[in-house]
């Protein structure tokens, strides 16, 4: 089992992820609005297809135009703090923001595997990784319970959503156990990666939980192109097509709310 997960499965899981991701992105770039049924036939380059299908966001209550700097500022703010989601669904925002914050901590703390930062800093970053995994695990359980208990969410949930949430939970939980066990040293991690690239087997002295963590990671990669987890790059491309930062900052709902308040006043 360990040999298969660590030394055979990566040669399938990683190429499969990039191939399927490329296919999904290519299809999305050509037909970025699946809800539009009568699409014009694709001709020429992808950019020409975009021009034919481009439909800017229509505001019912347009406000004053903003500068490019302000637009990007609102986009960055919305991306970092999910302000659009905060204005629409605070219950979902709590779990979603904590999950992504924990994932960011987990990813950034892995810099210790590739940079010689010293033993003390290495131990600190392992603790930081554990903290990020705790946030991911707790928020993942919270979001899964919300998916099960809230009727309107349960009605639009299918098997793929539950499966991806469970695999994500397994990923964060096994990462937490590995971090609490001391993690994997940077030298071992680099040697393992080089071994995969050179098709040579390099042993890793780590607990059995690291093998389960790697299994969860590879399952997550293989599932991502087919699940709701694939949304990181799409939000940026959607913003460019819609010509607005609303997808991040939630201005559309905010504008309607302000218009209603003015009308009542």
C-alpha atoms as a PDB file:
ATOM      1  CA  UNK A   1       0.000   0.000   0.000  1.00  0.00           C
ATOM      2  CA  UNK A   2       2.741   2.458   0.989  1.00  0.00           C
ATOM      3  CA  UNK A   3       4.792   1.705  -2.121  1.00  0.00           C
ATOM      4  CA  UNK A   4       1.764   2.232  -4.355  1.00  0.00           C
ATOM      5  CA  UNK A   5       0.730   5.536  -2.718  1.00  0.00           C
ATOM      6  CA  UNK A   6       4.192   7.094  -2.509  1.00  0.00           C
ATOM      7  CA  UNK A   7       5.958   5.748  -5.596  1.00  0.00           C
ATOM      8  CA  UNK A   8       3.344   4.701  -8.176  1.00  0.00           C
ATOM      9  CA  UNK A   9       0.152   6.723  -7.736  1.00  0.00           C
ATOM     10  CA  UNK A  10       1.893  10.136  -8.167  1.00  0.00           C
ATOM     11  CA  UNK A  11       2.771   9.240 -11.776  1.00  0.00           C
ATOM     12  CA  UNK A  12      -0.940   8.933 -12.498  1.00  0.00           C
ATOM     13  CA  UNK A  13      -2.508  11.464 -10.120  1.00  0.00           C
ATOM     14  CA  UNK A  14      -0.358  14.484 -11.000  1.00  0.00           C
ATOM     15  CA  UNK A  15      -0.522  14.175 -14.833  1.00  0.00           C
ATOM     16  CA  UNK A  16      -4.237  13.351 -14.571  1.00  0.00           C
ATOM     17  CA  UNK A  17      -4.798  16.538 -12.567  1.00  0.00           C
ATOM     18  CA  UNK A  18      -3.002  18.795 -15.047  1.00  0.00           C
ATOM     19  CA  UNK A  19      -4.569  17.175 -18.116  1.00  0.00           C
ATOM     20  CA  UNK A  20      -8.119  17.359 -16.759  1.00  0.00           C
ATOM     21  CA  UNK A  21      -7.532  20.870 -15.411  1.00  0.00           C
ATOM     22  CA  UNK A  22      -6.299  22.002 -18.823  1.00  0.00           C
ATOM     23  CA  UNK A  23      -9.355  20.478 -20.495  1.00  0.00           C
ATOM     24  CA  UNK A  24     -11.705  22.154 -18.024  1.00  0.00           C
ATOM     25  CA  UNK A  25     -10.003  25.525 -18.460  1.00  0.00           C
ATOM     26  CA  UNK A  26     -10.009  25.183 -22.256  1.00  0.00           C
ATOM     27  CA  UNK A  27     -13.709  24.349 -22.342  1.00  0.00           C
ATOM     28  CA  UNK A  28     -14.463  27.189 -19.941  1.00  0.00           C
ATOM     29  CA  UNK A  29     -12.453  29.681 -21.980  1.00  0.00           C
ATOM     30  CA  UNK A  30     -14.392  28.793 -25.113  1.00  0.00           C
ATOM     31  CA  UNK A  31     -17.799  28.641 -23.448  1.00  0.00           C
ATOM     32  CA  UNK A  32     -17.445  30.627 -20.254  1.00  0.00           C
ATOM     33  CA  UNK A  33     -21.173  30.907 -19.735  1.00  0.00           C
ATOM     34  CA  UNK A  34     -22.631  27.358 -19.752  1.00  0.00           C
ATOM     35  CA  UNK A  35     -26.118  28.741 -19.028  1.00  0.00           C
ATOM     36  CA  UNK A  36     -26.194  30.396 -22.456  1.00  0.00           C
ATOM     37  CA  UNK A  37     -27.664  27.718 -24.722  1.00  0.00           C
ATOM     38  CA  UNK A  38     -27.450  29.327 -28.169  1.00  0.00           C
ATOM     39  CA  UNK A  39     -23.705  29.846 -28.428  1.00  0.00           C
ATOM     40  CA  UNK A  40     -22.274  31.121 -31.710  1.00  0.00           C
ATOM     41  CA  UNK A  41     -20.010  28.694 -33.489  1.00  0.00           C
ATOM     42  CA  UNK A  42     -16.384  28.952 -32.440  1.00  0.00           C
ATOM     43  CA  UNK A  43     -14.171  30.390 -35.166  1.00  0.00           C
ATOM     44  CA  UNK A  44     -10.687  31.791 -35.230  1.00  0.00           C
ATOM     45  CA  UNK A  45      -8.791  32.167 -32.009  1.00  0.00           C
ATOM     46  CA  UNK A  46     -10.209  31.821 -28.530  1.00  0.00           C
ATOM     47  CA  UNK A  47      -9.956  35.588 -28.114  1.00  0.00           C
ATOM     48  CA  UNK A  48     -12.235  36.133 -31.101  1.00  0.00           C
ATOM     49  CA  UNK A  49     -14.740  33.744 -29.540  1.00  0.00           C
ATOM     50  CA  UNK A  50     -14.565  35.751 -26.331  1.00  0.00           C
ATOM     51  CA  UNK A  51     -15.337  38.928 -28.242  1.00  0.00           C
ATOM     52  CA  UNK A  52     -18.413  37.383 -29.824  1.00  0.00           C
ATOM     53  CA  UNK A  53     -19.724  36.062 -26.501  1.00  0.00           C
ATOM     54  CA  UNK A  54     -18.703  38.934 -24.257  1.00  0.00           C
ATOM     55  CA  UNK A  55     -21.599  40.258 -22.181  1.00  0.00           C
ATOM     56  CA  UNK A  56     -20.741  42.891 -19.557  1.00  0.00           C
ATOM     57  CA  UNK A  57     -22.562  43.049 -16.262  1.00  0.00           C
ATOM     58  CA  UNK A  58     -25.739  45.152 -16.428  1.00  0.00           C
ATOM     59  CA  UNK A  59     -26.369  47.258 -13.316  1.00  0.00           C
ATOM     60  CA  UNK A  60     -29.944  48.102 -12.471  1.00  0.00           C
ATOM     61  CA  UNK A  61     -28.710  50.998 -10.351  1.00  0.00           C
ATOM     62  CA  UNK A  62     -25.382  52.104 -11.838  1.00  0.00           C
ATOM     63  CA  UNK A  63     -23.191  54.232  -9.630  1.00  0.00           C
ATOM     64  CA  UNK A  64     -20.363  56.579 -10.399  1.00  0.00           C
ATOM     65  CA  UNK A  65     -17.522  55.006 -12.406  1.00  0.00           C
ATOM     66  CA  UNK A  66     -14.455  54.000 -10.402  1.00  0.00           C
ATOM     67  CA  UNK A  67     -10.805  54.267 -11.327  1.00  0.00           C
ATOM     68  CA  UNK A  68      -8.787  51.193 -12.241  1.00  0.00           C
ATOM     69  CA  UNK A  69      -6.819  51.445  -8.998  1.00  0.00           C
ATOM     70  CA  UNK A  70     -10.017  51.516  -6.952  1.00  0.00           C
ATOM     71  CA  UNK A  71     -11.444  48.586  -8.915  1.00  0.00           C
ATOM     72  CA  UNK A  72      -8.381  46.480  -8.275  1.00  0.00           C
ATOM     73  CA  UNK A  73      -8.291  47.595  -4.651  1.00  0.00           C
ATOM     74  CA  UNK A  74     -11.855  46.372  -4.187  1.00  0.00           C
ATOM     75  CA  UNK A  75     -10.947  43.130  -5.954  1.00  0.00           C
ATOM     76  CA  UNK A  76      -7.975  42.486  -3.669  1.00  0.00           C
ATOM     77  CA  UNK A  77     -10.044  43.335  -0.597  1.00  0.00           C
ATOM     78  CA  UNK A  78     -12.833  41.058  -1.757  1.00  0.00           C
ATOM     79  CA  UNK A  79     -10.396  38.263  -2.568  1.00  0.00           C
ATOM     80  CA  UNK A  80      -8.650  38.413   0.811  1.00  0.00           C
ATOM     81  CA  UNK A  81     -11.693  38.913   3.021  1.00  0.00           C
ATOM     82  CA  UNK A  82     -14.559  37.485   0.905  1.00  0.00           C
ATOM     83  CA  UNK A  83     -16.544  40.695   1.374  1.00  0.00           C
ATOM     84  CA  UNK A  84     -19.059  39.732  -1.295  1.00  0.00           C
ATOM     85  CA  UNK A  85     -19.836  36.495   0.551  1.00  0.00           C
ATOM     86  CA  UNK A  86     -19.973  38.367   3.876  1.00  0.00           C
ATOM     87  CA  UNK A  87     -22.727  40.628   2.547  1.00  0.00           C
ATOM     88  CA  UNK A  88     -24.763  37.688   1.247  1.00  0.00           C
ATOM     89  CA  UNK A  89     -24.323  34.782   3.678  1.00  0.00           C
ATOM     90  CA  UNK A  90     -22.473  35.359   6.945  1.00  0.00           C
ATOM     91  CA  UNK A  91     -23.005  31.777   8.116  1.00  0.00           C
ATOM     92  CA  UNK A  92     -21.244  30.443   5.026  1.00  0.00           C
ATOM     93  CA  UNK A  93     -18.603  33.190   5.241  1.00  0.00           C
ATOM     94  CA  UNK A  94     -17.429  32.040   8.694  1.00  0.00           C
ATOM     95  CA  UNK A  95     -16.634  28.509   7.585  1.00  0.00           C
ATOM     96  CA  UNK A  96     -15.401  29.414   4.117  1.00  0.00           C
ATOM     97  CA  UNK A  97     -13.014  32.181   5.180  1.00  0.00           C
ATOM     98  CA  UNK A  98     -11.551  30.152   8.060  1.00  0.00           C
ATOM     99  CA  UNK A  99     -11.063  27.167   5.753  1.00  0.00           C
ATOM    100  CA  UNK A 100      -9.202  29.215   3.150  1.00  0.00           C
ATOM    101  CA  UNK A 101      -7.211  31.055   5.833  1.00  0.00           C
ATOM    102  CA  UNK A 102      -6.132  27.750   7.351  1.00  0.00           C
ATOM    103  CA  UNK A 103      -5.206  26.435   3.902  1.00  0.00           C
ATOM    104  CA  UNK A 104      -3.107  29.551   3.239  1.00  0.00           C
ATOM    105  CA  UNK A 105      -1.271  29.088   6.556  1.00  0.00           C
ATOM    106  CA  UNK A 106      -0.718  25.414   5.765  1.00  0.00           C
ATOM    107  CA  UNK A 107       0.698  26.217   2.314  1.00  0.00           C
ATOM    108  CA  UNK A 108       2.920  29.111   3.421  1.00  0.00           C
ATOM    109  CA  UNK A 109       4.369  27.136   6.335  1.00  0.00           C
ATOM    110  CA  UNK A 110       5.607  24.507   3.871  1.00  0.00           C
ATOM    111  CA  UNK A 111       8.338  26.945   2.844  1.00  0.00           C
ATOM    112  CA  UNK A 112      10.393  25.180   5.523  1.00  0.00           C
ATOM    113  CA  UNK A 113      10.674  22.154   3.233  1.00  0.00           C
ATOM    114  CA  UNK A 114      12.551  24.083   0.556  1.00  0.00           C
ATOM    115  CA  UNK A 115      14.512  26.765   2.428  1.00  0.00           C
ATOM    116  CA  UNK A 116      17.171  26.181   5.120  1.00  0.00           C
ATOM    117  CA  UNK A 117      15.679  28.243   7.951  1.00  0.00           C
ATOM    118  CA  UNK A 118      17.266  26.541  10.935  1.00  0.00           C
ATOM    119  CA  UNK A 119      15.993  24.002  13.448  1.00  0.00           C
ATOM    120  CA  UNK A 120      14.162  26.458  15.701  1.00  0.00           C
ATOM    121  CA  UNK A 121      12.280  28.170  12.869  1.00  0.00           C
ATOM    122  CA  UNK A 122      11.534  24.758  11.401  1.00  0.00           C
ATOM    123  CA  UNK A 123       9.844  23.682  14.650  1.00  0.00           C
ATOM    124  CA  UNK A 124       7.893  26.952  14.745  1.00  0.00           C
ATOM    125  CA  UNK A 125       6.647  26.442  11.192  1.00  0.00           C
ATOM    126  CA  UNK A 126       5.568  22.892  12.030  1.00  0.00           C
ATOM    127  CA  UNK A 127       3.454  24.361  14.840  1.00  0.00           C
ATOM    128  CA  UNK A 128       2.083  26.974  12.423  1.00  0.00           C
ATOM    129  CA  UNK A 129       1.204  24.175   9.997  1.00  0.00           C
ATOM    130  CA  UNK A 130      -0.648  22.377  12.788  1.00  0.00           C
ATOM    131  CA  UNK A 131      -2.599  25.563  13.579  1.00  0.00           C
ATOM    132  CA  UNK A 132      -3.617  25.915   9.938  1.00  0.00           C
ATOM    133  CA  UNK A 133      -4.700  22.274   9.852  1.00  0.00           C
ATOM    134  CA  UNK A 134      -6.827  22.791  12.974  1.00  0.00           C
ATOM    135  CA  UNK A 135      -8.607  25.699  11.270  1.00  0.00           C
ATOM    136  CA  UNK A 136      -9.138  23.655   8.103  1.00  0.00           C
ATOM    137  CA  UNK A 137     -10.470  20.652   9.997  1.00  0.00           C
ATOM    138  CA  UNK A 138     -12.867  22.582  12.237  1.00  0.00           C
ATOM    139  CA  UNK A 139     -14.188  24.753   9.414  1.00  0.00           C
ATOM    140  CA  UNK A 140     -14.459  21.704   7.152  1.00  0.00           C
ATOM    141  CA  UNK A 141     -16.651  19.937   9.709  1.00  0.00           C
ATOM    142  CA  UNK A 142     -18.674  23.134  10.097  1.00  0.00           C
ATOM    143  CA  UNK A 143     -19.277  23.409   6.338  1.00  0.00           C
ATOM    144  CA  UNK A 144     -20.139  19.721   6.048  1.00  0.00           C
ATOM    145  CA  UNK A 145     -22.712  20.026   8.847  1.00  0.00           C
ATOM    146  CA  UNK A 146     -24.141  23.098   7.133  1.00  0.00           C
ATOM    147  CA  UNK A 147     -24.434  21.133   3.905  1.00  0.00           C
ATOM    148  CA  UNK A 148     -26.328  18.371   5.720  1.00  0.00           C
ATOM    149  CA  UNK A 149     -28.532  20.446   8.033  1.00  0.00           C
ATOM    150  CA  UNK A 150     -29.520  23.447   5.899  1.00  0.00           C
ATOM    151  CA  UNK A 151     -32.330  22.377   3.584  1.00  0.00           C
ATOM    152  CA  UNK A 152     -31.669  24.819   0.746  1.00  0.00           C
ATOM    153  CA  UNK A 153     -28.026  23.703   0.648  1.00  0.00           C
ATOM    154  CA  UNK A 154     -28.887  20.025   0.942  1.00  0.00           C
ATOM    155  CA  UNK A 155     -31.268  20.258  -2.015  1.00  0.00           C
ATOM    156  CA  UNK A 156     -28.534  21.392  -4.399  1.00  0.00           C
ATOM    157  CA  UNK A 157     -25.882  19.008  -3.056  1.00  0.00           C
ATOM    158  CA  UNK A 158     -24.972  15.813  -4.870  1.00  0.00           C
ATOM    159  CA  UNK A 159     -22.636  12.899  -4.194  1.00  0.00           C
ATOM    160  CA  UNK A 160     -19.592  14.704  -5.592  1.00  0.00           C
ATOM    161  CA  UNK A 161     -19.993  17.539  -3.090  1.00  0.00           C
ATOM    162  CA  UNK A 162     -20.103  15.190  -0.109  1.00  0.00           C
ATOM    163  CA  UNK A 163     -17.189  13.145  -1.417  1.00  0.00           C
ATOM    164  CA  UNK A 164     -14.971  16.165  -2.053  1.00  0.00           C
ATOM    165  CA  UNK A 165     -15.774  17.575   1.395  1.00  0.00           C
ATOM    166  CA  UNK A 166     -14.899  14.264   3.063  1.00  0.00           C
ATOM    167  CA  UNK A 167     -11.624  13.957   1.143  1.00  0.00           C
ATOM    168  CA  UNK A 168     -10.758  17.547   2.065  1.00  0.00           C
ATOM    169  CA  UNK A 169     -11.445  16.700   5.710  1.00  0.00           C
ATOM    170  CA  UNK A 170      -9.226  13.623   5.452  1.00  0.00           C
ATOM    171  CA  UNK A 171      -6.495  15.789   3.922  1.00  0.00           C
ATOM    172  CA  UNK A 172      -6.592  18.368   6.731  1.00  0.00           C
ATOM    173  CA  UNK A 173      -6.952  15.796   9.529  1.00  0.00           C
ATOM    174  CA  UNK A 174      -4.020  13.666   8.349  1.00  0.00           C
ATOM    175  CA  UNK A 175      -1.933  16.818   7.837  1.00  0.00           C
ATOM    176  CA  UNK A 176      -2.662  17.786  11.447  1.00  0.00           C
ATOM    177  CA  UNK A 177      -1.594  14.368  12.733  1.00  0.00           C
ATOM    178  CA  UNK A 178       1.620  14.474  10.684  1.00  0.00           C
ATOM    179  CA  UNK A 179       2.397  17.991  11.971  1.00  0.00           C
ATOM    180  CA  UNK A 180       1.799  16.947  15.589  1.00  0.00           C
ATOM    181  CA  UNK A 181       4.113  13.989  14.998  1.00  0.00           C
ATOM    182  CA  UNK A 182       6.924  16.326  13.952  1.00  0.00           C
ATOM    183  CA  UNK A 183       6.338  16.473  10.224  1.00  0.00           C
ATOM    184  CA  UNK A 184       8.795  15.542   7.492  1.00  0.00           C
ATOM    185  CA  UNK A 185      12.221  17.152   7.235  1.00  0.00           C
ATOM    186  CA  UNK A 186      13.051  19.389   4.306  1.00  0.00           C
ATOM    187  CA  UNK A 187      15.912  17.153   3.161  1.00  0.00           C
ATOM    188  CA  UNK A 188      13.639  14.115   3.067  1.00  0.00           C
ATOM    189  CA  UNK A 189      10.908  15.985   1.203  1.00  0.00           C
ATOM    190  CA  UNK A 190      13.329  17.302  -1.435  1.00  0.00           C
ATOM    191  CA  UNK A 191      14.944  13.878  -1.813  1.00  0.00           C
ATOM    192  CA  UNK A 192      11.504  12.303  -2.249  1.00  0.00           C
ATOM    193  CA  UNK A 193      10.483  14.838  -4.928  1.00  0.00           C
ATOM    194  CA  UNK A 194      13.795  14.450  -6.784  1.00  0.00           C
ATOM    195  CA  UNK A 195      13.343  10.696  -6.589  1.00  0.00           C
ATOM    196  CA  UNK A 196       9.946  10.965  -8.265  1.00  0.00           C
ATOM    197  CA  UNK A 197      11.351  13.231 -10.982  1.00  0.00           C
ATOM    198  CA  UNK A 198      14.264  10.881 -11.662  1.00  0.00           C
ATOM    199  CA  UNK A 199      12.154   7.708 -11.373  1.00  0.00           C
ATOM    200  CA  UNK A 200      14.196   6.452  -8.437  1.00  0.00           C
ATOM    201  CA  UNK A 201      12.743   5.288  -5.139  1.00  0.00           C
ATOM    202  CA  UNK A 202      13.852   7.340  -2.123  1.00  0.00           C
ATOM    203  CA  UNK A 203      12.708   6.225   1.308  1.00  0.00           C
ATOM    204  CA  UNK A 204      11.131   8.718   3.712  1.00  0.00           C
ATOM    205  CA  UNK A 205      11.419   8.263   7.466  1.00  0.00           C
ATOM    206  CA  UNK A 206       7.992   9.428   8.551  1.00  0.00           C
ATOM    207  CA  UNK A 207       4.989   8.042  10.355  1.00  0.00           C
ATOM    208  CA  UNK A 208       2.417   5.959   8.544  1.00  0.00           C
ATOM    209  CA  UNK A 209       0.073   8.923   8.717  1.00  0.00           C
ATOM    210  CA  UNK A 210       2.233  10.731   6.148  1.00  0.00           C
ATOM    211  CA  UNK A 211       1.364   8.011   3.649  1.00  0.00           C
ATOM    212  CA  UNK A 212      -2.356   8.553   4.349  1.00  0.00           C
ATOM    213  CA  UNK A 213      -1.855  12.300   3.992  1.00  0.00           C
ATOM    214  CA  UNK A 214      -0.216  11.799   0.598  1.00  0.00           C
ATOM    215  CA  UNK A 215      -3.088   9.522  -0.427  1.00  0.00           C
ATOM    216  CA  UNK A 216      -5.638  12.188   0.550  1.00  0.00           C
ATOM    217  CA  UNK A 217      -3.623  14.841  -1.314  1.00  0.00           C
ATOM    218  CA  UNK A 218      -3.541  12.809  -4.518  1.00  0.00           C
ATOM    219  CA  UNK A 219      -7.237  11.947  -4.274  1.00  0.00           C
ATOM    220  CA  UNK A 220      -7.922  15.653  -3.832  1.00  0.00           C
ATOM    221  CA  UNK A 221      -5.917  16.459  -6.956  1.00  0.00           C
ATOM    222  CA  UNK A 222      -7.757  13.857  -9.029  1.00  0.00           C
ATOM    223  CA  UNK A 223     -11.167  15.016  -7.809  1.00  0.00           C
ATOM    224  CA  UNK A 224     -10.581  18.748  -8.012  1.00  0.00           C
ATOM    225  CA  UNK A 225     -11.273  19.257 -11.751  1.00  0.00           C
ATOM    226  CA  UNK A 226     -14.700  17.650 -11.282  1.00  0.00           C
ATOM    227  CA  UNK A 227     -15.809  19.258  -8.010  1.00  0.00           C
ATOM    228  CA  UNK A 228     -16.795  22.600  -6.501  1.00  0.00           C
ATOM    229  CA  UNK A 229     -13.238  22.874  -5.153  1.00  0.00           C
ATOM    230  CA  UNK A 230     -12.073  24.108  -8.565  1.00  0.00           C
ATOM    231  CA  UNK A 231     -12.788  27.829  -8.326  1.00  0.00           C
ATOM    232  CA  UNK A 232      -9.533  29.610  -7.522  1.00  0.00           C
ATOM    233  CA  UNK A 233      -8.549  30.655 -11.061  1.00  0.00           C
ATOM    234  CA  UNK A 234     -12.080  30.939 -12.376  1.00  0.00           C
ATOM    235  CA  UNK A 235     -13.006  33.844 -10.132  1.00  0.00           C
ATOM    236  CA  UNK A 236     -10.271  35.988 -11.672  1.00  0.00           C
ATOM    237  CA  UNK A 237     -11.266  35.114 -15.229  1.00  0.00           C
ATOM    238  CA  UNK A 238     -14.940  35.684 -14.427  1.00  0.00           C
ATOM    239  CA  UNK A 239     -14.123  39.110 -13.095  1.00  0.00           C
ATOM    240  CA  UNK A 240     -12.374  40.051 -16.331  1.00  0.00           C
ATOM    241  CA  UNK A 241     -15.286  38.867 -18.474  1.00  0.00           C
ATOM    242  CA  UNK A 242     -17.896  40.603 -16.361  1.00  0.00           C
ATOM    243  CA  UNK A 243     -15.856  43.791 -16.355  1.00  0.00           C
ATOM    244  CA  UNK A 244     -16.491  44.403 -12.664  1.00  0.00           C
ATOM    245  CA  UNK A 245     -15.166  43.525  -9.229  1.00  0.00           C
ATOM    246  CA  UNK A 246     -18.650  42.564  -8.063  1.00  0.00           C
ATOM    247  CA  UNK A 247     -17.816  38.866  -7.982  1.00  0.00           C
ATOM    248  CA  UNK A 248     -15.458  39.674  -5.110  1.00  0.00           C
ATOM    249  CA  UNK A 249     -16.797  42.787  -3.462  1.00  0.00           C
ATOM    250  CA  UNK A 250     -20.524  42.123  -3.718  1.00  0.00           C
ATOM    251  CA  UNK A 251     -21.338  45.586  -5.030  1.00  0.00           C
ATOM    252  CA  UNK A 252     -24.399  44.438  -6.972  1.00  0.00           C
ATOM    253  CA  UNK A 253     -26.322  43.389  -3.861  1.00  0.00           C
ATOM    254  CA  UNK A 254     -25.008  46.407  -1.998  1.00  0.00           C
ATOM    255  CA  UNK A 255     -26.224  48.761  -4.744  1.00  0.00           C
ATOM    256  CA  UNK A 256     -29.723  47.301  -4.707  1.00  0.00           C
ATOM    257  CA  UNK A 257     -29.841  47.549  -0.924  1.00  0.00           C
ATOM    258  CA  UNK A 258     -28.772  51.193  -0.977  1.00  0.00           C
ATOM    259  CA  UNK A 259     -31.335  51.964  -3.681  1.00  0.00           C
ATOM    260  CA  UNK A 260     -34.093  50.422  -1.569  1.00  0.00           C
ATOM    261  CA  UNK A 261     -33.012  52.418   1.468  1.00  0.00           C
ATOM    262  CA  UNK A 262     -33.057  55.641  -0.550  1.00  0.00           C
ATOM    263  CA  UNK A 263     -36.510  54.798  -1.869  1.00  0.00           C
ATOM    264  CA  UNK A 264     -37.845  54.141   1.647  1.00  0.00           C
ATOM    265  CA  UNK A 265     -36.303  57.386   2.896  1.00  0.00           C
END
